[in-house]
């Protein structure tokens, strides 16, 4: 697996994913985007991510649950980026990850991920 300073962005909305990708680049990180869990899990097998941003609902009745479990198994920190706080409240508590509510700026989402990384390293 190649070393990197990459962040995995799992988001089914192309414009949101692009905005997050640019925010990653603004802080000197590369971004790998995926629109579903299958793509995201494949990416985890190829790249040593420093963190991830996960949209909770990925469309077509798919949630981020499978990639969240994979990230935990690989000890990769992640934040949840969702606009579905009311419907998914109980589900989100089960994932036990920081939540950044939509709408938020992409830079705020990436800043929260960076803060999570710094908290883990202290």
PDB file of N, CA and C in Angstrom:
ATOM      1  N   UNK A   1       0.847  -1.180   0.000  1.00  0.00           N
ATOM      2  CA  UNK A   1       0.000   0.000   0.000  1.00  0.00           C
ATOM      3  C   UNK A   1       0.890   1.240   0.000  1.00  0.00           C
ATOM      4  N   UNK A   2       0.551   2.183  -0.831  1.00  0.00           N
ATOM      5  CA  UNK A   2       1.389   3.377  -0.927  1.00  0.00           C
ATOM      6  C   UNK A   2       1.115   4.358   0.204  1.00  0.00           C
ATOM      7  N   UNK A   3       2.184   4.993   0.708  1.00  0.00           N
ATOM      8  CA  UNK A   3       2.054   6.033   1.723  1.00  0.00           C
ATOM      9  C   UNK A   3       1.448   7.273   1.082  1.00  0.00           C
ATOM     10  N   UNK A   4       0.708   8.022   1.862  1.00  0.00           N
ATOM     11  CA  UNK A   4       0.099   9.221   1.300  1.00  0.00           C
ATOM     12  C   UNK A   4      -0.303  10.201   2.385  1.00  0.00           C
ATOM     13  N   UNK A   5      -0.764  11.345   1.944  1.00  0.00           N
ATOM     14  CA  UNK A   5      -1.437  12.288   2.836  1.00  0.00           C
ATOM     15  C   UNK A   5      -2.828  12.499   2.270  1.00  0.00           C
ATOM     16  N   UNK A   6      -3.439  11.393   1.877  1.00  0.00           N
ATOM     17  CA  UNK A   6      -4.733  11.424   1.204  1.00  0.00           C
ATOM     18  C   UNK A   6      -5.894  11.308   2.176  1.00  0.00           C
ATOM     19  N   UNK A   7      -6.974  11.955   1.781  1.00  0.00           N
ATOM     20  CA  UNK A   7      -8.233  11.890   2.507  1.00  0.00           C
ATOM     21  C   UNK A   7      -9.260  11.247   1.593  1.00  0.00           C
ATOM     22  N   UNK A   8      -9.996  10.292   2.132  1.00  0.00           N
ATOM     23  CA  UNK A   8     -11.058   9.638   1.389  1.00  0.00           C
ATOM     24  C   UNK A   8     -12.345  10.433   1.573  1.00  0.00           C
ATOM     25  N   UNK A   9     -12.980  10.774   0.475  1.00  0.00           N
ATOM     26  CA  UNK A   9     -14.261  11.486   0.500  1.00  0.00           C
ATOM     27  C   UNK A   9     -15.307  10.551  -0.107  1.00  0.00           C
ATOM     28  N   UNK A  10     -16.270  10.153   0.708  1.00  0.00           N
ATOM     29  CA  UNK A  10     -17.339   9.265   0.241  1.00  0.00           C
ATOM     30  C   UNK A  10     -18.616  10.085   0.224  1.00  0.00           C
ATOM     31  N   UNK A  11     -19.045  10.437  -0.972  1.00  0.00           N
ATOM     32  CA  UNK A  11     -20.153  11.382  -1.155  1.00  0.00           C
ATOM     33  C   UNK A  11     -20.823  11.081  -2.486  1.00  0.00           C
ATOM     34  N   UNK A  12     -22.156  10.952  -2.480  1.00  0.00           N
ATOM     35  CA  UNK A  12     -22.872  10.639  -3.717  1.00  0.00           C
ATOM     36  C   UNK A  12     -23.274  11.871  -4.521  1.00  0.00           C
ATOM     37  N   UNK A  13     -23.152  13.059  -3.953  1.00  0.00           N
ATOM     38  CA  UNK A  13     -23.468  14.289  -4.681  1.00  0.00           C
ATOM     39  C   UNK A  13     -22.187  14.837  -5.311  1.00  0.00           C
ATOM     40  N   UNK A  14     -22.088  14.836  -6.642  1.00  0.00           N
ATOM     41  CA  UNK A  14     -20.833  15.211  -7.306  1.00  0.00           C
ATOM     42  C   UNK A  14     -20.309  16.602  -6.932  1.00  0.00           C
ATOM     43  N   UNK A  15     -21.179  17.581  -6.798  1.00  0.00           N
ATOM     44  CA  UNK A  15     -20.705  18.934  -6.486  1.00  0.00           C
ATOM     45  C   UNK A  15     -20.186  19.032  -5.052  1.00  0.00           C
ATOM     46  N   UNK A  16     -20.818  18.323  -4.132  1.00  0.00           N
ATOM     47  CA  UNK A  16     -20.341  18.309  -2.743  1.00  0.00           C
ATOM     48  C   UNK A  16     -18.986  17.605  -2.694  1.00  0.00           C
ATOM     49  N   UNK A  17     -18.863  16.488  -3.408  1.00  0.00           N
ATOM     50  CA  UNK A  17     -17.591  15.757  -3.445  1.00  0.00           C
ATOM     51  C   UNK A  17     -16.476  16.625  -4.021  1.00  0.00           C
ATOM     52  N   UNK A  18     -16.784  17.350  -5.067  1.00  0.00           N
ATOM     53  CA  UNK A  18     -15.786  18.224  -5.692  1.00  0.00           C
ATOM     54  C   UNK A  18     -15.373  19.343  -4.740  1.00  0.00           C
ATOM     55  N   UNK A  19     -16.331  19.918  -4.050  1.00  0.00           N
ATOM     56  CA  UNK A  19     -16.039  20.979  -3.083  1.00  0.00           C
ATOM     57  C   UNK A  19     -15.126  20.453  -1.968  1.00  0.00           C
ATOM     58  N   UNK A  20     -15.415  19.258  -1.468  1.00  0.00           N
ATOM     59  CA  UNK A  20     -14.577  18.651  -0.434  1.00  0.00           C
ATOM     60  C   UNK A  20     -13.182  18.329  -0.975  1.00  0.00           C
ATOM     61  N   UNK A  21     -13.115  17.890  -2.213  1.00  0.00           N
ATOM     62  CA  UNK A  21     -11.813  17.600  -2.848  1.00  0.00           C
ATOM     63  C   UNK A  21     -10.964  18.865  -2.893  1.00  0.00           C
ATOM     64  N   UNK A  22     -11.553  19.967  -3.303  1.00  0.00           N
ATOM     65  CA  UNK A  22     -10.815  21.240  -3.348  1.00  0.00           C
ATOM     66  C   UNK A  22     -10.380  21.682  -1.955  1.00  0.00           C
ATOM     67  N   UNK A  23     -11.229  21.474  -0.957  1.00  0.00           N
ATOM     68  CA  UNK A  23     -10.874  21.845   0.418  1.00  0.00           C
ATOM     69  C   UNK A  23      -9.693  21.004   0.912  1.00  0.00           C
ATOM     70  N   UNK A  24      -9.656  19.744   0.530  1.00  0.00           N
ATOM     71  CA  UNK A  24      -8.499  18.891   0.881  1.00  0.00           C
ATOM     72  C   UNK A  24      -7.231  19.455   0.256  1.00  0.00           C
ATOM     73  N   UNK A  25      -7.317  19.789  -1.005  1.00  0.00           N
ATOM     74  CA  UNK A  25      -6.157  20.340  -1.713  1.00  0.00           C
ATOM     75  C   UNK A  25      -5.705  21.659  -1.101  1.00  0.00           C
ATOM     76  N   UNK A  26      -6.650  22.458  -0.623  1.00  0.00           N
ATOM     77  CA  UNK A  26      -6.320  23.742   0.006  1.00  0.00           C
ATOM     78  C   UNK A  26      -5.455  23.570   1.250  1.00  0.00           C
ATOM     79  N   UNK A  27      -5.569  22.425   1.932  1.00  0.00           N
ATOM     80  CA  UNK A  27      -4.755  22.182   3.129  1.00  0.00           C
ATOM     81  C   UNK A  27      -3.572  21.252   2.830  1.00  0.00           C
ATOM     82  N   UNK A  28      -3.289  21.052   1.545  1.00  0.00           N
ATOM     83  CA  UNK A  28      -2.117  20.274   1.157  1.00  0.00           C
ATOM     84  C   UNK A  28      -2.309  18.773   1.130  1.00  0.00           C
ATOM     85  N   UNK A  29      -3.542  18.325   1.094  1.00  0.00           N
ATOM     86  CA  UNK A  29      -3.822  16.888   1.038  1.00  0.00           C
ATOM     87  C   UNK A  29      -4.398  16.521  -0.320  1.00  0.00           C
ATOM     88  N   UNK A  30      -4.202  15.283  -0.695  1.00  0.00           N
ATOM     89  CA  UNK A  30      -4.852  14.747  -1.882  1.00  0.00           C
ATOM     90  C   UNK A  30      -6.206  14.202  -1.449  1.00  0.00           C
ATOM     91  N   UNK A  31      -7.137  14.143  -2.374  1.00  0.00           N
ATOM     92  CA  UNK A  31      -8.440  13.563  -2.066  1.00  0.00           C
ATOM     93  C   UNK A  31      -8.735  12.458  -3.066  1.00  0.00           C
ATOM     94  N   UNK A  32      -9.242  11.367  -2.539  1.00  0.00           N
ATOM     95  CA  UNK A  32      -9.749  10.278  -3.363  1.00  0.00           C
ATOM     96  C   UNK A  32     -11.245  10.246  -3.101  1.00  0.00           C
ATOM     97  N   UNK A  33     -12.029  10.343  -4.158  1.00  0.00           N
ATOM     98  CA  UNK A  33     -13.477  10.366  -3.976  1.00  0.00           C
ATOM     99  C   UNK A  33     -14.097   9.035  -4.388  1.00  0.00           C
ATOM    100  N   UNK A  34     -15.171   8.710  -3.702  1.00  0.00           N
ATOM    101  CA  UNK A  34     -15.961   7.521  -4.007  1.00  0.00           C
ATOM    102  C   UNK A  34     -17.420   7.882  -3.786  1.00  0.00           C
ATOM    103  N   UNK A  35     -18.291   7.314  -4.596  1.00  0.00           N
ATOM    104  CA  UNK A  35     -19.712   7.633  -4.456  1.00  0.00           C
ATOM    105  C   UNK A  35     -20.505   6.521  -3.786  1.00  0.00           C
ATOM    106  N   UNK A  36     -19.833   5.401  -3.475  1.00  0.00           N
ATOM    107  CA  UNK A  36     -20.516   4.308  -2.789  1.00  0.00           C
ATOM    108  C   UNK A  36     -19.500   3.504  -1.972  1.00  0.00           C
ATOM    109  N   UNK A  37     -20.004   2.609  -1.157  1.00  0.00           N
ATOM    110  CA  UNK A  37     -19.122   1.843  -0.266  1.00  0.00           C
ATOM    111  C   UNK A  37     -18.180   0.925  -1.030  1.00  0.00           C
ATOM    112  N   UNK A  38     -18.645   0.321  -2.097  1.00  0.00           N
ATOM    113  CA  UNK A  38     -17.789  -0.593  -2.859  1.00  0.00           C
ATOM    114  C   UNK A  38     -16.556   0.129  -3.359  1.00  0.00           C
ATOM    115  N   UNK A  39     -16.736   1.302  -3.959  1.00  0.00           N
ATOM    116  CA  UNK A  39     -15.597   2.092  -4.446  1.00  0.00           C
ATOM    117  C   UNK A  39     -14.697   2.513  -3.284  1.00  0.00           C
ATOM    118  N   UNK A  40     -15.295   2.914  -2.179  1.00  0.00           N
ATOM    119  CA  UNK A  40     -14.529   3.392  -1.025  1.00  0.00           C
ATOM    120  C   UNK A  40     -13.699   2.273  -0.407  1.00  0.00           C
ATOM    121  N   UNK A  41     -14.288   1.103  -0.251  1.00  0.00           N
ATOM    122  CA  UNK A  41     -13.565  -0.032   0.331  1.00  0.00           C
ATOM    123  C   UNK A  41     -12.408  -0.436  -0.568  1.00  0.00           C
ATOM    124  N   UNK A  42     -12.615  -0.398  -1.862  1.00  0.00           N
ATOM    125  CA  UNK A  42     -11.540  -0.688  -2.811  1.00  0.00           C
ATOM    126  C   UNK A  42     -10.402   0.314  -2.647  1.00  0.00           C
ATOM    127  N   UNK A  43     -10.733   1.582  -2.491  1.00  0.00           N
ATOM    128  CA  UNK A  43      -9.721   2.629  -2.329  1.00  0.00           C
ATOM    129  C   UNK A  43      -8.913   2.423  -1.053  1.00  0.00           C
ATOM    130  N   UNK A  44      -9.568   1.974   0.026  1.00  0.00           N
ATOM    131  CA  UNK A  44      -8.863   1.738   1.289  1.00  0.00           C
ATOM    132  C   UNK A  44      -7.819   0.633   1.117  1.00  0.00           C
ATOM    133  N   UNK A  45      -8.082  -0.301   0.238  1.00  0.00           N
ATOM    134  CA  UNK A  45      -7.129  -1.364  -0.032  1.00  0.00           C
ATOM    135  C   UNK A  45      -5.914  -0.906  -0.825  1.00  0.00           C
ATOM    136  N   UNK A  46      -6.004   0.282  -1.434  1.00  0.00           N
ATOM    137  CA  UNK A  46      -4.927   0.772  -2.297  1.00  0.00           C
ATOM    138  C   UNK A  46      -4.142   1.943  -1.720  1.00  0.00           C
ATOM    139  N   UNK A  47      -4.705   2.671  -0.780  1.00  0.00           N
ATOM    140  CA  UNK A  47      -4.095   3.910  -0.293  1.00  0.00           C
ATOM    141  C   UNK A  47      -4.131   3.958   1.231  1.00  0.00           C
ATOM    142  N   UNK A  48      -3.082   4.452   1.836  1.00  0.00           N
ATOM    143  CA  UNK A  48      -3.028   4.636   3.293  1.00  0.00           C
ATOM    144  C   UNK A  48      -3.587   6.017   3.624  1.00  0.00           C
ATOM    145  N   UNK A  49      -4.875   6.087   3.883  1.00  0.00           N
ATOM    146  CA  UNK A  49      -5.535   7.368   4.137  1.00  0.00           C
ATOM    147  C   UNK A  49      -5.222   7.890   5.536  1.00  0.00           C
ATOM    148  N   UNK A  50      -5.129   9.215   5.630  1.00  0.00           N
ATOM    149  CA  UNK A  50      -4.949   9.847   6.938  1.00  0.00           C
ATOM    150  C   UNK A  50      -6.299  10.174   7.574  1.00  0.00           C
ATOM    151  N   UNK A  51      -7.367  10.054   6.819  1.00  0.00           N
ATOM    152  CA  UNK A  51      -8.700  10.320   7.332  1.00  0.00           C
ATOM    153  C   UNK A  51      -9.730  10.216   6.228  1.00  0.00           C
ATOM    154  N   UNK A  52     -10.992  10.346   6.623  1.00  0.00           N
ATOM    155  CA  UNK A  52     -12.077  10.234   5.650  1.00  0.00           C
ATOM    156  C   UNK A  52     -13.264  11.103   6.068  1.00  0.00           C
ATOM    157  N   UNK A  53     -14.014  11.500   5.062  1.00  0.00           N
ATOM    158  CA  UNK A  53     -15.275  12.217   5.243  1.00  0.00           C
ATOM    159  C   UNK A  53     -16.348  11.333   4.625  1.00  0.00           C
ATOM    160  N   UNK A  54     -17.350  10.979   5.407  1.00  0.00           N
ATOM    161  CA  UNK A  54     -18.403  10.082   4.928  1.00  0.00           C
ATOM    162  C   UNK A  54     -19.757  10.759   4.938  1.00  0.00           C
ATOM    163  N   UNK A  55     -20.409  10.770   3.788  1.00  0.00           N
ATOM    164  CA  UNK A  55     -21.819  11.120   3.740  1.00  0.00           C
ATOM    165  C   UNK A  55     -22.557   9.907   4.292  1.00  0.00           C
ATOM    166  N   UNK A  56     -23.538  10.109   5.135  1.00  0.00           N
ATOM    167  CA  UNK A  56     -24.230   8.983   5.764  1.00  0.00           C
ATOM    168  C   UNK A  56     -25.119   8.256   4.768  1.00  0.00           C
ATOM    169  N   UNK A  57     -25.909   8.993   4.004  1.00  0.00           N
ATOM    170  CA  UNK A  57     -26.810   8.386   3.026  1.00  0.00           C
ATOM    171  C   UNK A  57     -26.229   8.558   1.634  1.00  0.00           C
ATOM    172  N   UNK A  58     -25.933   7.423   0.997  1.00  0.00           N
ATOM    173  CA  UNK A  58     -25.260   7.452  -0.296  1.00  0.00           C
ATOM    174  C   UNK A  58     -26.200   7.173  -1.464  1.00  0.00           C
ATOM    175  N   UNK A  59     -27.487   7.275  -1.237  1.00  0.00           N
ATOM    176  CA  UNK A  59     -28.451   7.065  -2.304  1.00  0.00           C
ATOM    177  C   UNK A  59     -28.727   5.587  -2.525  1.00  0.00           C
ATOM    178  N   UNK A  60     -29.823   5.309  -3.194  1.00  0.00           N
ATOM    179  CA  UNK A  60     -30.227   3.932  -3.508  1.00  0.00           C
ATOM    180  C   UNK A  60     -30.232   3.039  -2.268  1.00  0.00           C
ATOM    181  N   UNK A  61     -30.705   3.603  -1.176  1.00  0.00           N
ATOM    182  CA  UNK A  61     -30.828   2.894   0.104  1.00  0.00           C
ATOM    183  C   UNK A  61     -29.500   2.393   0.663  1.00  0.00           C
ATOM    184  N   UNK A  62     -28.397   3.013   0.276  1.00  0.00           N
ATOM    185  CA  UNK A  62     -27.088   2.639   0.805  1.00  0.00           C
ATOM    186  C   UNK A  62     -26.653   3.663   1.842  1.00  0.00           C
ATOM    187  N   UNK A  63     -26.151   3.171   2.976  1.00  0.00           N
ATOM    188  CA  UNK A  63     -25.572   4.042   3.991  1.00  0.00           C
ATOM    189  C   UNK A  63     -24.066   3.836   4.009  1.00  0.00           C
ATOM    190  N   UNK A  64     -23.385   4.617   4.809  1.00  0.00           N
ATOM    191  CA  UNK A  64     -21.934   4.543   4.910  1.00  0.00           C
ATOM    192  C   UNK A  64     -21.460   3.453   5.863  1.00  0.00           C
ATOM    193  N   UNK A  65     -22.351   2.641   6.371  1.00  0.00           N
ATOM    194  CA  UNK A  65     -22.016   1.674   7.403  1.00  0.00           C
ATOM    195  C   UNK A  65     -20.854   0.752   7.018  1.00  0.00           C
ATOM    196  N   UNK A  66     -20.855   0.201   5.826  1.00  0.00           N
ATOM    197  CA  UNK A  66     -19.800  -0.742   5.428  1.00  0.00           C
ATOM    198  C   UNK A  66     -18.430  -0.067   5.374  1.00  0.00           C
ATOM    199  N   UNK A  67     -18.372   1.131   4.849  1.00  0.00           N
ATOM    200  CA  UNK A  67     -17.070   1.806   4.795  1.00  0.00           C
ATOM    201  C   UNK A  67     -16.661   2.293   6.185  1.00  0.00           C
ATOM    202  N   UNK A  68     -17.600   2.674   7.022  1.00  0.00           N
ATOM    203  CA  UNK A  68     -17.270   3.079   8.398  1.00  0.00           C
ATOM    204  C   UNK A  68     -16.622   1.912   9.144  1.00  0.00           C
ATOM    205  N   UNK A  69     -17.175   0.707   8.996  1.00  0.00           N
ATOM    206  CA  UNK A  69     -16.578  -0.482   9.635  1.00  0.00           C
ATOM    207  C   UNK A  69     -15.177  -0.749   9.084  1.00  0.00           C
ATOM    208  N   UNK A  70     -15.009  -0.615   7.777  1.00  0.00           N
ATOM    209  CA  UNK A  70     -13.698  -0.838   7.156  1.00  0.00           C
ATOM    210  C   UNK A  70     -12.681   0.169   7.673  1.00  0.00           C
ATOM    211  N   UNK A  71     -13.072   1.430   7.768  1.00  0.00           N
ATOM    212  CA  UNK A  71     -12.164   2.460   8.274  1.00  0.00           C
ATOM    213  C   UNK A  71     -11.773   2.172   9.720  1.00  0.00           C
ATOM    214  N   UNK A  72     -12.733   1.763  10.532  1.00  0.00           N
ATOM    215  CA  UNK A  72     -12.416   1.404  11.924  1.00  0.00           C
ATOM    216  C   UNK A  72     -11.424   0.238  11.966  1.00  0.00           C
ATOM    217  N   UNK A  73     -11.647  -0.769  11.121  1.00  0.00           N
ATOM    218  CA  UNK A  73     -10.746  -1.927  11.077  1.00  0.00           C
ATOM    219  C   UNK A  73      -9.322  -1.527  10.711  1.00  0.00           C
ATOM    220  N   UNK A  74      -9.184  -0.455   9.905  1.00  0.00           N
ATOM    221  CA  UNK A  74      -7.869   0.028   9.478  1.00  0.00           C
ATOM    222  C   UNK A  74      -7.368   1.191  10.342  1.00  0.00           C
ATOM    223  N   UNK A  75      -8.092   1.511  11.403  1.00  0.00           N
ATOM    224  CA  UNK A  75      -7.738   2.600  12.317  1.00  0.00           C
ATOM    225  C   UNK A  75      -7.564   3.941  11.591  1.00  0.00           C
ATOM    226  N   UNK A  76      -8.482   4.210  10.661  1.00  0.00           N
ATOM    227  CA  UNK A  76      -8.483   5.469   9.916  1.00  0.00           C
ATOM    228  C   UNK A  76      -9.593   6.346  10.490  1.00  0.00           C
ATOM    229  N   UNK A  77      -9.247   7.529  11.002  1.00  0.00           N
ATOM    230  CA  UNK A  77     -10.276   8.398  11.573  1.00  0.00           C
ATOM    231  C   UNK A  77     -11.201   8.954  10.495  1.00  0.00           C
ATOM    232  N   UNK A  78     -12.447   9.198  10.884  1.00  0.00           N
ATOM    233  CA  UNK A  78     -13.399   9.759   9.918  1.00  0.00           C
ATOM    234  C   UNK A  78     -14.436  10.615  10.622  1.00  0.00           C
ATOM    235  N   UNK A  79     -15.020  11.516   9.840  1.00  0.00           N
ATOM    236  CA  UNK A  79     -16.150  12.319  10.295  1.00  0.00           C
ATOM    237  C   UNK A  79     -17.338  12.013   9.393  1.00  0.00           C
ATOM    238  N   UNK A  80     -18.515  12.152   9.967  1.00  0.00           N
ATOM    239  CA  UNK A  80     -19.748  11.986   9.203  1.00  0.00           C
ATOM    240  C   UNK A  80     -20.229  13.354   8.769  1.00  0.00           C
ATOM    241  N   UNK A  81     -20.592  13.464   7.515  1.00  0.00           N
ATOM    242  CA  UNK A  81     -21.061  14.731   6.945  1.00  0.00           C
ATOM    243  C   UNK A  81     -22.464  14.460   6.424  1.00  0.00           C
ATOM    244  N   UNK A  82     -23.470  14.950   7.154  1.00  0.00           N
ATOM    245  CA  UNK A  82     -24.831  14.577   6.802  1.00  0.00           C
ATOM    246  C   UNK A  82     -25.817  15.703   7.041  1.00  0.00           C
ATOM    247  N   UNK A  83     -26.861  15.694   6.272  1.00  0.00           N
ATOM    248  CA  UNK A  83     -27.963  16.629   6.449  1.00  0.00           C
ATOM    249  C   UNK A  83     -29.184  15.916   6.992  1.00  0.00           C
ATOM    250  N   UNK A  84     -29.030  14.681   7.375  1.00  0.00           N
ATOM    251  CA  UNK A  84     -30.140  13.828   7.757  1.00  0.00           C
ATOM    252  C   UNK A  84     -30.158  13.555   9.256  1.00  0.00           C
ATOM    253  N   UNK A  85     -29.905  14.567  10.048  1.00  0.00           N
ATOM    254  CA  UNK A  85     -29.757  14.367  11.486  1.00  0.00           C
ATOM    255  C   UNK A  85     -31.028  13.868  12.166  1.00  0.00           C
ATOM    256  N   UNK A  86     -32.189  14.322  11.750  1.00  0.00           N
ATOM    257  CA  UNK A  86     -33.424  13.917  12.413  1.00  0.00           C
ATOM    258  C   UNK A  86     -33.764  12.455  12.137  1.00  0.00           C
ATOM    259  N   UNK A  87     -33.766  12.067  10.878  1.00  0.00           N
ATOM    260  CA  UNK A  87     -34.131  10.690  10.530  1.00  0.00           C
ATOM    261  C   UNK A  87     -33.093   9.677  10.969  1.00  0.00           C
ATOM    262  N   UNK A  88     -31.834  10.050  10.957  1.00  0.00           N
ATOM    263  CA  UNK A  88     -30.762   9.084  11.196  1.00  0.00           C
ATOM    264  C   UNK A  88     -30.145   9.193  12.583  1.00  0.00           C
ATOM    265  N   UNK A  89     -30.798   9.882  13.498  1.00  0.00           N
ATOM    266  CA  UNK A  89     -30.209  10.130  14.812  1.00  0.00           C
ATOM    267  C   UNK A  89     -29.710   8.892  15.528  1.00  0.00           C
ATOM    268  N   UNK A  90     -30.563   7.890  15.673  1.00  0.00           N
ATOM    269  CA  UNK A  90     -30.169   6.663  16.379  1.00  0.00           C
ATOM    270  C   UNK A  90     -29.071   5.929  15.615  1.00  0.00           C
ATOM    271  N   UNK A  91     -29.199   5.857  14.326  1.00  0.00           N
ATOM    272  CA  UNK A  91     -28.189   5.211  13.490  1.00  0.00           C
ATOM    273  C   UNK A  91     -26.831   5.892  13.659  1.00  0.00           C
ATOM    274  N   UNK A  92     -26.819   7.219  13.663  1.00  0.00           N
ATOM    275  CA  UNK A  92     -25.569   7.969  13.788  1.00  0.00           C
ATOM    276  C   UNK A  92     -24.905   7.722  15.132  1.00  0.00           C
ATOM    277  N   UNK A  93     -25.688   7.614  16.195  1.00  0.00           N
ATOM    278  CA  UNK A  93     -25.099   7.330  17.501  1.00  0.00           C
ATOM    279  C   UNK A  93     -24.384   5.984  17.497  1.00  0.00           C
ATOM    280  N   UNK A  94     -24.897   5.031  16.733  1.00  0.00           N
ATOM    281  CA  UNK A  94     -24.280   3.715  16.647  1.00  0.00           C
ATOM    282  C   UNK A  94     -22.929   3.727  15.955  1.00  0.00           C
ATOM    283  N   UNK A  95     -22.708   4.656  15.073  1.00  0.00           N
ATOM    284  CA  UNK A  95     -21.429   4.741  14.363  1.00  0.00           C
ATOM    285  C   UNK A  95     -20.347   5.342  15.251  1.00  0.00           C
ATOM    286  N   UNK A  96     -20.734   6.187  16.175  1.00  0.00           N
ATOM    287  CA  UNK A  96     -19.795   6.805  17.116  1.00  0.00           C
ATOM    288  C   UNK A  96     -18.645   7.525  16.413  1.00  0.00           C
ATOM    289  N   UNK A  97     -18.993   8.536  15.659  1.00  0.00           N
ATOM    290  CA  UNK A  97     -18.000   9.371  14.972  1.00  0.00           C
ATOM    291  C   UNK A  97     -18.466  10.813  15.052  1.00  0.00           C
ATOM    292  N   UNK A  98     -17.524  11.753  14.977  1.00  0.00           N
ATOM    293  CA  UNK A  98     -17.919  13.166  14.963  1.00  0.00           C
ATOM    294  C   UNK A  98     -18.829  13.455  13.768  1.00  0.00           C
ATOM    295  N   UNK A  99     -19.795  14.320  13.989  1.00  0.00           N
ATOM    296  CA  UNK A  99     -20.752  14.670  12.945  1.00  0.00           C
ATOM    297  C   UNK A  99     -20.598  16.139  12.587  1.00  0.00           C
ATOM    298  N   UNK A 100     -20.519  16.408  11.297  1.00  0.00           N
ATOM    299  CA  UNK A 100     -20.546  17.777  10.779  1.00  0.00           C
ATOM    300  C   UNK A 100     -21.824  17.881   9.958  1.00  0.00           C
ATOM    301  N   UNK A 101     -22.743  18.701  10.438  1.00  0.00           N
ATOM    302  CA  UNK A 101     -24.053  18.800   9.800  1.00  0.00           C
ATOM    303  C   UNK A 101     -23.978  19.561   8.483  1.00  0.00           C
ATOM    304  N   UNK A 102     -24.741  19.071   7.505  1.00  0.00           N
ATOM    305  CA  UNK A 102     -24.914  19.809   6.253  1.00  0.00           C
ATOM    306  C   UNK A 102     -26.050  20.788   6.490  1.00  0.00           C
ATOM    307  N   UNK A 103     -26.000  21.966   5.936  1.00  0.00           N
ATOM    308  CA  UNK A 103     -24.894  22.472   5.117  1.00  0.00           C
ATOM    309  C   UNK A 103     -23.770  23.031   5.992  1.00  0.00           C
ATOM    310  N   UNK A 104     -22.572  22.706   5.635  1.00  0.00           N
ATOM    311  CA  UNK A 104     -21.357  23.270   6.233  1.00  0.00           C
ATOM    312  C   UNK A 104     -20.394  23.540   5.092  1.00  0.00           C
ATOM    313  N   UNK A 105     -19.505  24.478   5.291  1.00  0.00           N
ATOM    314  CA  UNK A 105     -18.522  24.700   4.244  1.00  0.00           C
ATOM    315  C   UNK A 105     -17.577  23.504   4.189  1.00  0.00           C
ATOM    316  N   UNK A 106     -17.062  23.229   3.021  1.00  0.00           N
ATOM    317  CA  UNK A 106     -16.120  22.130   2.856  1.00  0.00           C
ATOM    318  C   UNK A 106     -14.887  22.347   3.722  1.00  0.00           C
ATOM    319  N   UNK A 107     -14.449  23.581   3.840  1.00  0.00           N
ATOM    320  CA  UNK A 107     -13.270  23.855   4.666  1.00  0.00           C
ATOM    321  C   UNK A 107     -13.549  23.540   6.134  1.00  0.00           C
ATOM    322  N   UNK A 108     -14.777  23.768   6.610  1.00  0.00           N
ATOM    323  CA  UNK A 108     -15.129  23.432   7.993  1.00  0.00           C
ATOM    324  C   UNK A 108     -15.117  21.921   8.206  1.00  0.00           C
ATOM    325  N   UNK A 109     -15.565  21.182   7.212  1.00  0.00           N
ATOM    326  CA  UNK A 109     -15.569  19.716   7.306  1.00  0.00           C
ATOM    327  C   UNK A 109     -14.135  19.195   7.403  1.00  0.00           C
ATOM    328  N   UNK A 110     -13.267  19.685   6.539  1.00  0.00           N
ATOM    329  CA  UNK A 110     -11.872  19.240   6.538  1.00  0.00           C
ATOM    330  C   UNK A 110     -11.167  19.701   7.814  1.00  0.00           C
ATOM    331  N   UNK A 111     -11.481  20.885   8.294  1.00  0.00           N
ATOM    332  CA  UNK A 111     -10.893  21.362   9.553  1.00  0.00           C
ATOM    333  C   UNK A 111     -11.293  20.446  10.710  1.00  0.00           C
ATOM    334  N   UNK A 112     -12.534  19.971  10.724  1.00  0.00           N
ATOM    335  CA  UNK A 112     -12.977  19.057  11.788  1.00  0.00           C
ATOM    336  C   UNK A 112     -12.222  17.736  11.707  1.00  0.00           C
ATOM    337  N   UNK A 113     -11.978  17.246  10.500  1.00  0.00           N
ATOM    338  CA  UNK A 113     -11.204  16.022  10.333  1.00  0.00           C
ATOM    339  C   UNK A 113      -9.765  16.226  10.808  1.00  0.00           C
ATOM    340  N   UNK A 114      -9.186  17.361  10.482  1.00  0.00           N
ATOM    341  CA  UNK A 114      -7.825  17.657  10.939  1.00  0.00           C
ATOM    342  C   UNK A 114      -7.768  17.742  12.466  1.00  0.00           C
ATOM    343  N   UNK A 115      -8.795  18.335  13.072  1.00  0.00           N
ATOM    344  CA  UNK A 115      -8.846  18.428  14.533  1.00  0.00           C
ATOM    345  C   UNK A 115      -8.928  17.027  15.137  1.00  0.00           C
ATOM    346  N   UNK A 116      -9.727  16.174  14.544  1.00  0.00           N
ATOM    347  CA  UNK A 116      -9.839  14.794  15.011  1.00  0.00           C
ATOM    348  C   UNK A 116      -8.482  14.099  14.941  1.00  0.00           C
ATOM    349  N   UNK A 117      -7.752  14.301  13.845  1.00  0.00           N
ATOM    350  CA  UNK A 117      -6.428  13.702  13.712  1.00  0.00           C
ATOM    351  C   UNK A 117      -5.469  14.220  14.778  1.00  0.00           C
ATOM    352  N   UNK A 118      -5.508  15.511  15.057  1.00  0.00           N
ATOM    353  CA  UNK A 118      -4.605  16.074  16.060  1.00  0.00           C
ATOM    354  C   UNK A 118      -4.974  15.585  17.462  1.00  0.00           C
ATOM    355  N   UNK A 119      -6.260  15.393  17.743  1.00  0.00           N
ATOM    356  CA  UNK A 119      -6.696  14.868  19.037  1.00  0.00           C
ATOM    357  C   UNK A 119      -6.230  13.427  19.219  1.00  0.00           C
ATOM    358  N   UNK A 120      -6.211  12.661  18.142  1.00  0.00           N
ATOM    359  CA  UNK A 120      -5.786  11.263  18.217  1.00  0.00           C
ATOM    360  C   UNK A 120      -4.291  11.137  18.431  1.00  0.00           C
ATOM    361  N   UNK A 121      -3.531  12.105  17.953  1.00  0.00           N
ATOM    362  CA  UNK A 121      -2.068  12.004  18.044  1.00  0.00           C
ATOM    363  C   UNK A 121      -1.510  12.556  19.358  1.00  0.00           C
ATOM    364  N   UNK A 122      -2.379  13.130  20.198  1.00  0.00           N
ATOM    365  CA  UNK A 122      -1.893  13.640  21.491  1.00  0.00           C
ATOM    366  C   UNK A 122      -2.148  12.678  22.606  1.00  0.00           C
TER     367      UNK A 122
END
